[in-house]
C-alpha cells in the first residue's frame, strides 16, 4: 500500500471520545495497523 499522507496519518490516530451505553471491543491486531492504520479509527468513527 502507498504510504499514507500526513493528513491520513493524523486521521488514523483520531478516535471518537464520546461514551455510549452500547460498546464493542476491538483488537488492534498485528498486521493491519502497519498496512492500513486508518481502518480501526475509521471503524470506531
ModelCIF file with pLDDT and N, C-alpha, C, O atoms, coordinates in Angstrom:
data_MODEL
#
_entry.id   MODEL 
#
_entity.id                         1 
_entity.type                       polymer 
_entity.pdbx_number_of_molecules   1 
#
_entity_poly.entity_id                      1 
_entity_poly.type                           'polypeptide(L)' 
_entity_poly.nstd_linkage                   no 
_entity_poly.nstd_monomer                   no 
_entity_poly.pdbx_seq_one_letter_code       
;(UNK)(UNK)(UNK)(UNK)(UNK)(UNK)(UNK)(UNK)(UNK)(UNK)(UNK)(UNK)(UNK)(UNK)(UNK)(UNK)
(UNK)(UNK)(UNK)(UNK)(UNK)(UNK)(UNK)(UNK)(UNK)(UNK)(UNK)(UNK)(UNK)(UNK)(UNK)(UNK)
(UNK)(UNK)(UNK)(UNK)(UNK)(UNK)(UNK)(UNK)(UNK)(UNK)(UNK)(UNK)(UNK)
;
_entity_poly.pdbx_seq_one_letter_code_can   XXXXXXXXXXXXXXXXXXXXXXXXXXXXXXXXXXXXXXXXXXXXX 
_entity_poly.pdbx_strand_id                 A 
#
loop_
_entity_poly_seq.entity_id 
_entity_poly_seq.num 
_entity_poly_seq.mon_id 
_entity_poly_seq.hetero 
1 1  UNK n 
1 2  UNK n 
1 3  UNK n 
1 4  UNK n 
1 5  UNK n 
1 6  UNK n 
1 7  UNK n 
1 8  UNK n 
1 9  UNK n 
1 10 UNK n 
1 11 UNK n 
1 12 UNK n 
1 13 UNK n 
1 14 UNK n 
1 15 UNK n 
1 16 UNK n 
1 17 UNK n 
1 18 UNK n 
1 19 UNK n 
1 20 UNK n 
1 21 UNK n 
1 22 UNK n 
1 23 UNK n 
1 24 UNK n 
1 25 UNK n 
1 26 UNK n 
1 27 UNK n 
1 28 UNK n 
1 29 UNK n 
1 30 UNK n 
1 31 UNK n 
1 32 UNK n 
1 33 UNK n 
1 34 UNK n 
1 35 UNK n 
1 36 UNK n 
1 37 UNK n 
1 38 UNK n 
1 39 UNK n 
1 40 UNK n 
1 41 UNK n 
1 42 UNK n 
1 43 UNK n 
1 44 UNK n 
1 45 UNK n 
#
_struct_asym.id          A 
_struct_asym.entity_id   1 
#
loop_
_ma_qa_metric.id 
_ma_qa_metric.mode 
_ma_qa_metric.name 
_ma_qa_metric.software_group_id 
_ma_qa_metric.type 
1 global pLDDT . pLDDT 
2 local  pLDDT . pLDDT 
#
_ma_qa_metric_global.metric_id      1 
_ma_qa_metric_global.metric_value   80.67 
_ma_qa_metric_global.model_id       1 
_ma_qa_metric_global.ordinal_id     1 
#
loop_
_ma_qa_metric_local.label_asym_id 
_ma_qa_metric_local.label_comp_id 
_ma_qa_metric_local.label_seq_id 
_ma_qa_metric_local.metric_id 
_ma_qa_metric_local.metric_value 
_ma_qa_metric_local.model_id 
_ma_qa_metric_local.ordinal_id 
A UNK 1  2 83.00 1 1  
A UNK 2  2 83.00 1 2  
A UNK 3  2 81.00 1 3  
A UNK 4  2 73.00 1 4  
A UNK 5  2 74.00 1 5  
A UNK 6  2 74.00 1 6  
A UNK 7  2 73.00 1 7  
A UNK 8  2 68.00 1 8  
A UNK 9  2 65.00 1 9  
A UNK 10 2 69.00 1 10 
A UNK 11 2 65.00 1 11 
A UNK 12 2 64.00 1 12 
A UNK 13 2 68.00 1 13 
A UNK 14 2 80.00 1 14 
A UNK 15 2 85.00 1 15 
A UNK 16 2 91.00 1 16 
A UNK 17 2 89.00 1 17 
A UNK 18 2 93.00 1 18 
A UNK 19 2 94.00 1 19 
A UNK 20 2 95.00 1 20 
A UNK 21 2 96.00 1 21 
A UNK 22 2 96.00 1 22 
A UNK 23 2 95.00 1 23 
A UNK 24 2 93.00 1 24 
A UNK 25 2 89.00 1 25 
A UNK 26 2 86.00 1 26 
A UNK 27 2 81.00 1 27 
A UNK 28 2 78.00 1 28 
A UNK 29 2 72.00 1 29 
A UNK 30 2 70.00 1 30 
A UNK 31 2 75.00 1 31 
A UNK 32 2 73.00 1 32 
A UNK 33 2 73.00 1 33 
A UNK 34 2 73.00 1 34 
A UNK 35 2 74.00 1 35 
A UNK 36 2 74.00 1 36 
A UNK 37 2 75.00 1 37 
A UNK 38 2 80.00 1 38 
A UNK 39 2 82.00 1 39 
A UNK 40 2 84.00 1 40 
A UNK 41 2 85.00 1 41 
A UNK 42 2 87.00 1 42 
A UNK 43 2 89.00 1 43 
A UNK 44 2 92.00 1 44 
A UNK 45 2 91.00 1 45 
#
loop_
_atom_site.group_PDB 
_atom_site.id 
_atom_site.type_symbol 
_atom_site.label_atom_id 
_atom_site.label_alt_id 
_atom_site.label_comp_id 
_atom_site.label_asym_id 
_atom_site.label_entity_id 
_atom_site.label_seq_id 
_atom_site.pdbx_PDB_ins_code 
_atom_site.Cartn_x 
_atom_site.Cartn_y 
_atom_site.Cartn_z 
_atom_site.occupancy 
_atom_site.B_iso_or_equiv 
_atom_site.pdbx_formal_charge 
_atom_site.auth_seq_id 
_atom_site.auth_comp_id 
_atom_site.auth_asym_id 
_atom_site.auth_atom_id 
_atom_site.pdbx_PDB_model_num 
ATOM 1   N N  . UNK A 1 1  ? 0.833   -1.208 0.000  1.00 83.00 ? 1  UNK A N  1 
ATOM 2   C CA . UNK A 1 1  ? 0.000   0.000  0.000  1.00 83.00 ? 1  UNK A CA 1 
ATOM 3   C C  . UNK A 1 1  ? 0.865   1.255  0.000  1.00 83.00 ? 1  UNK A C  1 
ATOM 4   O O  . UNK A 1 1  ? 1.930   1.293  0.616  1.00 83.00 ? 1  UNK A O  1 
ATOM 5   N N  . UNK A 1 2  ? 0.391   2.273  -0.697 1.00 83.00 ? 2  UNK A N  1 
ATOM 6   C CA . UNK A 1 2  ? 1.122   3.542  -0.728 1.00 83.00 ? 2  UNK A CA 1 
ATOM 7   C C  . UNK A 1 2  ? 1.176   4.127  0.678  1.00 83.00 ? 2  UNK A C  1 
ATOM 8   O O  . UNK A 1 2  ? 0.273   3.919  1.488  1.00 83.00 ? 2  UNK A O  1 
ATOM 9   N N  . UNK A 1 3  ? 2.239   4.855  0.951  1.00 81.00 ? 3  UNK A N  1 
ATOM 10  C CA . UNK A 1 3  ? 2.378   5.489  2.265  1.00 81.00 ? 3  UNK A CA 1 
ATOM 11  C C  . UNK A 1 3  ? 1.281   6.530  2.437  1.00 81.00 ? 3  UNK A C  1 
ATOM 12  O O  . UNK A 1 3  ? 0.982   7.296  1.521  1.00 81.00 ? 3  UNK A O  1 
ATOM 13  N N  . UNK A 1 4  ? 0.684   6.543  3.630  1.00 73.00 ? 4  UNK A N  1 
ATOM 14  C CA . UNK A 1 4  ? -0.395  7.478  3.906  1.00 73.00 ? 4  UNK A CA 1 
ATOM 15  C C  . UNK A 1 4  ? 0.149   8.901  3.973  1.00 73.00 ? 4  UNK A C  1 
ATOM 16  O O  . UNK A 1 4  ? 1.278   9.131  4.407  1.00 73.00 ? 4  UNK A O  1 
ATOM 17  N N  . UNK A 1 5  ? -0.674  9.849  3.535  1.00 74.00 ? 5  UNK A N  1 
ATOM 18  C CA . UNK A 1 5  ? -0.286  11.252 3.647  1.00 74.00 ? 5  UNK A CA 1 
ATOM 19  C C  . UNK A 1 5  ? -0.285  11.654 5.121  1.00 74.00 ? 5  UNK A C  1 
ATOM 20  O O  . UNK A 1 5  ? -0.802  10.924 5.967  1.00 74.00 ? 5  UNK A O  1 
ATOM 21  N N  . UNK A 1 6  ? 0.287   12.798 5.423  1.00 74.00 ? 6  UNK A N  1 
ATOM 22  C CA . UNK A 1 6  ? 0.294   13.269 6.818  1.00 74.00 ? 6  UNK A CA 1 
ATOM 23  C C  . UNK A 1 6  ? -1.122  13.443 7.337  1.00 74.00 ? 6  UNK A C  1 
ATOM 24  O O  . UNK A 1 6  ? -1.399  13.137 8.497  1.00 74.00 ? 6  UNK A O  1 
ATOM 25  N N  . UNK A 1 7  ? -2.038  13.940 6.474  1.00 73.00 ? 7  UNK A N  1 
ATOM 26  C CA . UNK A 1 7  ? -3.439  14.120 6.893  1.00 73.00 ? 7  UNK A CA 1 
ATOM 27  C C  . UNK A 1 7  ? -4.077  12.779 7.206  1.00 73.00 ? 7  UNK A C  1 
ATOM 28  O O  . UNK A 1 7  ? -4.770  12.633 8.213  1.00 73.00 ? 7  UNK A O  1 
ATOM 29  N N  . UNK A 1 8  ? -3.845  11.801 6.344  1.00 68.00 ? 8  UNK A N  1 
ATOM 30  C CA . UNK A 1 8  ? -4.413  10.466 6.568  1.00 68.00 ? 8  UNK A CA 1 
ATOM 31  C C  . UNK A 1 8  ? -3.815  9.844  7.818  1.00 68.00 ? 8  UNK A C  1 
ATOM 32  O O  . UNK A 1 8  ? -4.512  9.173  8.580  1.00 68.00 ? 8  UNK A O  1 
ATOM 33  N N  . UNK A 1 9  ? -2.518  10.070 8.028  1.00 65.00 ? 9  UNK A N  1 
ATOM 34  C CA . UNK A 1 9  ? -1.868  9.530  9.212  1.00 65.00 ? 9  UNK A CA 1 
ATOM 35  C C  . UNK A 1 9  ? -2.457  10.166 10.469 1.00 65.00 ? 9  UNK A C  1 
ATOM 36  O O  . UNK A 1 9  ? -2.661  9.481  11.471 1.00 65.00 ? 9  UNK A O  1 
ATOM 37  N N  . UNK A 1 10 ? -2.732  11.467 10.424 1.00 69.00 ? 10 UNK A N  1 
ATOM 38  C CA . UNK A 1 10 ? -3.348  12.143 11.573 1.00 69.00 ? 10 UNK A CA 1 
ATOM 39  C C  . UNK A 1 10 ? -4.748  11.585 11.829 1.00 69.00 ? 10 UNK A C  1 
ATOM 40  O O  . UNK A 1 10 ? -5.137  11.386 12.980 1.00 69.00 ? 10 UNK A O  1 
ATOM 41  N N  . UNK A 1 11 ? -5.506  11.331 10.755 1.00 65.00 ? 11 UNK A N  1 
ATOM 42  C CA . UNK A 1 11 ? -6.852  10.752 10.917 1.00 65.00 ? 11 UNK A CA 1 
ATOM 43  C C  . UNK A 1 11 ? -6.780  9.355  11.516 1.00 65.00 ? 11 UNK A C  1 
ATOM 44  O O  . UNK A 1 11 ? -7.674  8.942  12.255 1.00 65.00 ? 11 UNK A O  1 
ATOM 45  N N  . UNK A 1 12 ? -5.704  8.625  11.193 1.00 64.00 ? 12 UNK A N  1 
ATOM 46  C CA . UNK A 1 12 ? -5.563  7.263  11.702 1.00 64.00 ? 12 UNK A CA 1 
ATOM 47  C C  . UNK A 1 12 ? -5.479  7.245  13.218 1.00 64.00 ? 12 UNK A C  1 
ATOM 48  O O  . UNK A 1 12 ? -5.761  6.222  13.842 1.00 64.00 ? 12 UNK A O  1 
ATOM 49  N N  . UNK A 1 13 ? -5.096  8.354  13.809 1.00 68.00 ? 13 UNK A N  1 
ATOM 50  C CA . UNK A 1 13 ? -4.959  8.408  15.258 1.00 68.00 ? 13 UNK A CA 1 
ATOM 51  C C  . UNK A 1 13 ? -6.060  9.227  15.919 1.00 68.00 ? 13 UNK A C  1 
ATOM 52  O O  . UNK A 1 13 ? -5.992  9.505  17.116 1.00 68.00 ? 13 UNK A O  1 
ATOM 53  N N  . UNK A 1 14 ? -7.086  9.621  15.139 1.00 80.00 ? 14 UNK A N  1 
ATOM 54  C CA . UNK A 1 14 ? -8.201  10.390 15.696 1.00 80.00 ? 14 UNK A CA 1 
ATOM 55  C C  . UNK A 1 14 ? -9.342  9.427  16.032 1.00 80.00 ? 14 UNK A C  1 
ATOM 56  O O  . UNK A 1 14 ? -10.005 8.890  15.144 1.00 80.00 ? 14 UNK A O  1 
ATOM 57  N N  . UNK A 1 15 ? -9.548  9.227  17.312 1.00 85.00 ? 15 UNK A N  1 
ATOM 58  C CA . UNK A 1 15 ? -10.581 8.310  17.787 1.00 85.00 ? 15 UNK A CA 1 
ATOM 59  C C  . UNK A 1 15 ? -11.713 9.102  18.419 1.00 85.00 ? 15 UNK A C  1 
ATOM 60  O O  . UNK A 1 15 ? -11.475 10.152 19.016 1.00 85.00 ? 15 UNK A O  1 
ATOM 61  N N  . UNK A 1 16 ? -12.939 8.612  18.297 1.00 91.00 ? 16 UNK A N  1 
ATOM 62  C CA . UNK A 1 16 ? -14.057 9.277  18.964 1.00 91.00 ? 16 UNK A CA 1 
ATOM 63  C C  . UNK A 1 16 ? -13.879 9.225  20.484 1.00 91.00 ? 16 UNK A C  1 
ATOM 64  O O  . UNK A 1 16 ? -13.271 8.297  21.017 1.00 91.00 ? 16 UNK A O  1 
ATOM 65  N N  . UNK A 1 17 ? -14.409 10.214 21.158 1.00 89.00 ? 17 UNK A N  1 
ATOM 66  C CA . UNK A 1 17 ? -14.253 10.278 22.609 1.00 89.00 ? 17 UNK A CA 1 
ATOM 67  C C  . UNK A 1 17 ? -15.579 10.168 23.354 1.00 89.00 ? 17 UNK A C  1 
ATOM 68  O O  . UNK A 1 17 ? -15.595 10.120 24.584 1.00 89.00 ? 17 UNK A O  1 
ATOM 69  N N  . UNK A 1 18 ? -16.689 10.128 22.623 1.00 93.00 ? 18 UNK A N  1 
ATOM 70  C CA . UNK A 1 18 ? -17.992 10.037 23.296 1.00 93.00 ? 18 UNK A CA 1 
ATOM 71  C C  . UNK A 1 18 ? -18.180 8.663  23.920 1.00 93.00 ? 18 UNK A C  1 
ATOM 72  O O  . UNK A 1 18 ? -17.659 7.662  23.428 1.00 93.00 ? 18 UNK A O  1 
ATOM 73  N N  . UNK A 1 19 ? -18.926 8.636  25.001 1.00 94.00 ? 19 UNK A N  1 
ATOM 74  C CA . UNK A 1 19 ? -19.280 7.367  25.640 1.00 94.00 ? 19 UNK A CA 1 
ATOM 75  C C  . UNK A 1 19 ? -20.703 7.001  25.251 1.00 94.00 ? 19 UNK A C  1 
ATOM 76  O O  . UNK A 1 19 ? -21.568 7.870  25.141 1.00 94.00 ? 19 UNK A O  1 
ATOM 77  N N  . UNK A 1 20 ? -20.941 5.714  25.043 1.00 95.00 ? 20 UNK A N  1 
ATOM 78  C CA . UNK A 1 20 ? -22.269 5.206  24.690 1.00 95.00 ? 20 UNK A CA 1 
ATOM 79  C C  . UNK A 1 20 ? -22.575 4.008  25.577 1.00 95.00 ? 20 UNK A C  1 
ATOM 80  O O  . UNK A 1 20 ? -21.666 3.379  26.119 1.00 95.00 ? 20 UNK A O  1 
ATOM 81  N N  . UNK A 1 21 ? -23.848 3.700  25.721 1.00 96.00 ? 21 UNK A N  1 
ATOM 82  C CA . UNK A 1 21 ? -24.216 2.537  26.536 1.00 96.00 ? 21 UNK A CA 1 
ATOM 83  C C  . UNK A 1 21 ? -23.859 1.233  25.821 1.00 96.00 ? 21 UNK A C  1 
ATOM 84  O O  . UNK A 1 21 ? -23.520 0.240  26.464 1.00 96.00 ? 21 UNK A O  1 
ATOM 85  N N  . UNK A 1 22 ? -23.935 1.240  24.487 1.00 96.00 ? 22 UNK A N  1 
ATOM 86  C CA . UNK A 1 22 ? -23.524 0.049  23.728 1.00 96.00 ? 22 UNK A CA 1 
ATOM 87  C C  . UNK A 1 22 ? -22.042 0.155  23.437 1.00 96.00 ? 22 UNK A C  1 
ATOM 88  O O  . UNK A 1 22 ? -21.545 1.222  23.078 1.00 96.00 ? 22 UNK A O  1 
ATOM 89  N N  . UNK A 1 23 ? -21.334 -0.962 23.595 1.00 95.00 ? 23 UNK A N  1 
ATOM 90  C CA . UNK A 1 23 ? -19.882 -0.956 23.428 1.00 95.00 ? 23 UNK A CA 1 
ATOM 91  C C  . UNK A 1 23 ? -19.444 -2.171 22.619 1.00 95.00 ? 23 UNK A C  1 
ATOM 92  O O  . UNK A 1 23 ? -20.119 -3.200 22.601 1.00 95.00 ? 23 UNK A O  1 
ATOM 93  N N  . UNK A 1 24 ? -18.318 -2.032 21.960 1.00 93.00 ? 24 UNK A N  1 
ATOM 94  C CA . UNK A 1 24 ? -17.708 -3.132 21.225 1.00 93.00 ? 24 UNK A CA 1 
ATOM 95  C C  . UNK A 1 24 ? -16.218 -3.133 21.563 1.00 93.00 ? 24 UNK A C  1 
ATOM 96  O O  . UNK A 1 24 ? -15.608 -2.079 21.743 1.00 93.00 ? 24 UNK A O  1 
ATOM 97  N N  . UNK A 1 25 ? -15.652 -4.320 21.644 1.00 89.00 ? 25 UNK A N  1 
ATOM 98  C CA . UNK A 1 25 ? -14.232 -4.458 21.936 1.00 89.00 ? 25 UNK A CA 1 
ATOM 99  C C  . UNK A 1 25 ? -13.482 -4.679 20.628 1.00 89.00 ? 25 UNK A C  1 
ATOM 100 O O  . UNK A 1 25 ? -13.859 -5.541 19.834 1.00 89.00 ? 25 UNK A O  1 
ATOM 101 N N  . UNK A 1 26 ? -12.421 -3.906 20.401 1.00 86.00 ? 26 UNK A N  1 
ATOM 102 C CA . UNK A 1 26 ? -11.648 -4.019 19.167 1.00 86.00 ? 26 UNK A CA 1 
ATOM 103 C C  . UNK A 1 26 ? -10.234 -4.500 19.498 1.00 86.00 ? 26 UNK A C  1 
ATOM 104 O O  . UNK A 1 26 ? -9.564  -3.960 20.378 1.00 86.00 ? 26 UNK A O  1 
ATOM 105 N N  . UNK A 1 27 ? -9.804  -5.526 18.770 1.00 81.00 ? 27 UNK A N  1 
ATOM 106 C CA . UNK A 1 27 ? -8.419  -5.982 18.858 1.00 81.00 ? 27 UNK A CA 1 
ATOM 107 C C  . UNK A 1 27 ? -7.626  -5.190 17.833 1.00 81.00 ? 27 UNK A C  1 
ATOM 108 O O  . UNK A 1 27 ? -8.054  -5.052 16.687 1.00 81.00 ? 27 UNK A O  1 
ATOM 109 N N  . UNK A 1 28 ? -6.487  -4.674 18.232 1.00 78.00 ? 28 UNK A N  1 
ATOM 110 C CA . UNK A 1 28 ? -5.699  -3.849 17.313 1.00 78.00 ? 28 UNK A CA 1 
ATOM 111 C C  . UNK A 1 28 ? -5.008  -4.686 16.247 1.00 78.00 ? 28 UNK A C  1 
ATOM 112 O O  . UNK A 1 28 ? -4.728  -4.184 15.158 1.00 78.00 ? 28 UNK A O  1 
ATOM 113 N N  . UNK A 1 29 ? -4.731  -5.936 16.536 1.00 72.00 ? 29 UNK A N  1 
ATOM 114 C CA . UNK A 1 29 ? -4.137  -6.809 15.537 1.00 72.00 ? 29 UNK A CA 1 
ATOM 115 C C  . UNK A 1 29 ? -2.639  -6.623 15.416 1.00 72.00 ? 29 UNK A C  1 
ATOM 116 O O  . UNK A 1 29 ? -2.059  -5.711 16.006 1.00 72.00 ? 29 UNK A O  1 
ATOM 117 N N  . UNK A 1 30 ? -2.021  -7.501 14.643 1.00 70.00 ? 30 UNK A N  1 
ATOM 118 C CA . UNK A 1 30 ? -0.574  -7.458 14.493 1.00 70.00 ? 30 UNK A CA 1 
ATOM 119 C C  . UNK A 1 30 ? -0.162  -6.971 13.108 1.00 70.00 ? 30 UNK A C  1 
ATOM 120 O O  . UNK A 1 30 ? 0.938   -6.439 12.951 1.00 70.00 ? 30 UNK A O  1 
ATOM 121 N N  . UNK A 1 31 ? -1.006  -7.138 12.111 1.00 75.00 ? 31 UNK A N  1 
ATOM 122 C CA . UNK A 1 31 ? -0.645  -6.806 10.733 1.00 75.00 ? 31 UNK A CA 1 
ATOM 123 C C  . UNK A 1 31 ? -1.330  -5.526 10.265 1.00 75.00 ? 31 UNK A C  1 
ATOM 124 O O  . UNK A 1 31 ? -0.688  -4.651 9.685  1.00 75.00 ? 31 UNK A O  1 
ATOM 125 N N  . UNK A 1 32 ? -2.602  -5.420 10.512 1.00 73.00 ? 32 UNK A N  1 
ATOM 126 C CA . UNK A 1 32 ? -3.406  -4.343 9.954  1.00 73.00 ? 32 UNK A CA 1 
ATOM 127 C C  . UNK A 1 32 ? -2.915  -2.941 10.312 1.00 73.00 ? 32 UNK A C  1 
ATOM 128 O O  . UNK A 1 32 ? -2.931  -2.081 9.431  1.00 73.00 ? 32 UNK A O  1 
ATOM 129 N N  . UNK A 1 33 ? -2.482  -2.651 11.531 1.00 73.00 ? 33 UNK A N  1 
ATOM 130 C CA . UNK A 1 33 ? -2.012  -1.287 11.806 1.00 73.00 ? 33 UNK A CA 1 
ATOM 131 C C  . UNK A 1 33 ? -0.823  -0.865 10.935 1.00 73.00 ? 33 UNK A C  1 
ATOM 132 O O  . UNK A 1 33 ? -0.679  0.316  10.622 1.00 73.00 ? 33 UNK A O  1 
ATOM 133 N N  . UNK A 1 34 ? 0.017   -1.804 10.548 1.00 73.00 ? 34 UNK A N  1 
ATOM 134 C CA . UNK A 1 34 ? 1.158   -1.473 9.693  1.00 73.00 ? 34 UNK A CA 1 
ATOM 135 C C  . UNK A 1 34 ? 0.729   -1.302 8.246  1.00 73.00 ? 34 UNK A C  1 
ATOM 136 O O  . UNK A 1 34 ? 1.312   -0.494 7.522  1.00 73.00 ? 34 UNK A O  1 
ATOM 137 N N  . UNK A 1 35 ? -0.279  -2.047 7.811  1.00 74.00 ? 35 UNK A N  1 
ATOM 138 C CA . UNK A 1 35 ? -0.694  -1.988 6.410  1.00 74.00 ? 35 UNK A CA 1 
ATOM 139 C C  . UNK A 1 35 ? -1.666  -0.843 6.151  1.00 74.00 ? 35 UNK A C  1 
ATOM 140 O O  . UNK A 1 35 ? -1.456  -0.047 5.235  1.00 74.00 ? 35 UNK A O  1 
ATOM 141 N N  . UNK A 1 36 ? -2.712  -0.756 6.939  1.00 74.00 ? 36 UNK A N  1 
ATOM 142 C CA . UNK A 1 36 ? -3.754  0.257  6.727  1.00 74.00 ? 36 UNK A CA 1 
ATOM 143 C C  . UNK A 1 36 ? -4.170  0.831  8.078  1.00 74.00 ? 36 UNK A C  1 
ATOM 144 O O  . UNK A 1 36 ? -5.210  0.454  8.618  1.00 74.00 ? 36 UNK A O  1 
ATOM 145 N N  . UNK A 1 37 ? -3.367  1.736  8.624  1.00 75.00 ? 37 UNK A N  1 
ATOM 146 C CA . UNK A 1 37 ? -3.583  2.183  10.003 1.00 75.00 ? 37 UNK A CA 1 
ATOM 147 C C  . UNK A 1 37 ? -4.864  2.954  10.250 1.00 75.00 ? 37 UNK A C  1 
ATOM 148 O O  . UNK A 1 37 ? -5.260  3.104  11.406 1.00 75.00 ? 37 UNK A O  1 
ATOM 149 N N  . UNK A 1 38 ? -5.531  3.450  9.216  1.00 80.00 ? 38 UNK A N  1 
ATOM 150 C CA . UNK A 1 38 ? -6.741  4.237  9.421  1.00 80.00 ? 38 UNK A CA 1 
ATOM 151 C C  . UNK A 1 38 ? -7.992  3.371  9.593  1.00 80.00 ? 38 UNK A C  1 
ATOM 152 O O  . UNK A 1 38 ? -9.037  3.891  9.984  1.00 80.00 ? 38 UNK A O  1 
ATOM 153 N N  . UNK A 1 39 ? -7.916  2.084  9.317  1.00 82.00 ? 39 UNK A N  1 
ATOM 154 C CA . UNK A 1 39 ? -9.123  1.248  9.350  1.00 82.00 ? 39 UNK A CA 1 
ATOM 155 C C  . UNK A 1 39 ? -9.742  1.179  10.741 1.00 82.00 ? 39 UNK A C  1 
ATOM 156 O O  . UNK A 1 39 ? -10.958 1.323  10.874 1.00 82.00 ? 39 UNK A O  1 
ATOM 157 N N  . UNK A 1 40 ? -8.940  0.964  11.778 1.00 84.00 ? 40 UNK A N  1 
ATOM 158 C CA . UNK A 1 40 ? -9.510  0.837  13.118 1.00 84.00 ? 40 UNK A CA 1 
ATOM 159 C C  . UNK A 1 40 ? -10.180 2.128  13.572 1.00 84.00 ? 40 UNK A C  1 
ATOM 160 O O  . UNK A 1 40 ? -11.290 2.090  14.103 1.00 84.00 ? 40 UNK A O  1 
ATOM 161 N N  . UNK A 1 41 ? -9.527  3.269  13.373 1.00 85.00 ? 41 UNK A N  1 
ATOM 162 C CA . UNK A 1 41 ? -10.136 4.526  13.797 1.00 85.00 ? 41 UNK A CA 1 
ATOM 163 C C  . UNK A 1 41 ? -11.354 4.865  12.942 1.00 85.00 ? 41 UNK A C  1 
ATOM 164 O O  . UNK A 1 41 ? -12.332 5.410  13.453 1.00 85.00 ? 41 UNK A O  1 
ATOM 165 N N  . UNK A 1 42 ? -11.309 4.549  11.647 1.00 87.00 ? 42 UNK A N  1 
ATOM 166 C CA . UNK A 1 42 ? -12.473 4.781  10.792 1.00 87.00 ? 42 UNK A CA 1 
ATOM 167 C C  . UNK A 1 42 ? -13.644 3.923  11.238 1.00 87.00 ? 42 UNK A C  1 
ATOM 168 O O  . UNK A 1 42 ? -14.787 4.381  11.260 1.00 87.00 ? 42 UNK A O  1 
ATOM 169 N N  . UNK A 1 43 ? -13.358 2.680  11.592 1.00 89.00 ? 43 UNK A N  1 
ATOM 170 C CA . UNK A 1 43 ? -14.407 1.795  12.106 1.00 89.00 ? 43 UNK A CA 1 
ATOM 171 C C  . UNK A 1 43 ? -14.984 2.354  13.397 1.00 89.00 ? 43 UNK A C  1 
ATOM 172 O O  . UNK A 1 43 ? -16.199 2.345  13.594 1.00 89.00 ? 43 UNK A O  1 
ATOM 173 N N  . UNK A 1 44 ? -14.114 2.842  14.278 1.00 92.00 ? 44 UNK A N  1 
ATOM 174 C CA . UNK A 1 44 ? -14.576 3.419  15.546 1.00 92.00 ? 44 UNK A CA 1 
ATOM 175 C C  . UNK A 1 44 ? -15.448 4.649  15.299 1.00 92.00 ? 44 UNK A C  1 
ATOM 176 O O  . UNK A 1 44 ? -16.423 4.865  16.019 1.00 92.00 ? 44 UNK A O  1 
ATOM 177 N N  . UNK A 1 45 ? -15.112 5.457  14.293 1.00 91.00 ? 45 UNK A N  1 
ATOM 178 C CA . UNK A 1 45 ? -15.929 6.641  13.990 1.00 91.00 ? 45 UNK A CA 1 
ATOM 179 C C  . UNK A 1 45 ? -17.294 6.253  13.438 1.00 91.00 ? 45 UNK A C  1 
ATOM 180 O O  . UNK A 1 45 ? -18.106 7.126  13.131 1.00 91.00 ? 45 UNK A O  1 
#
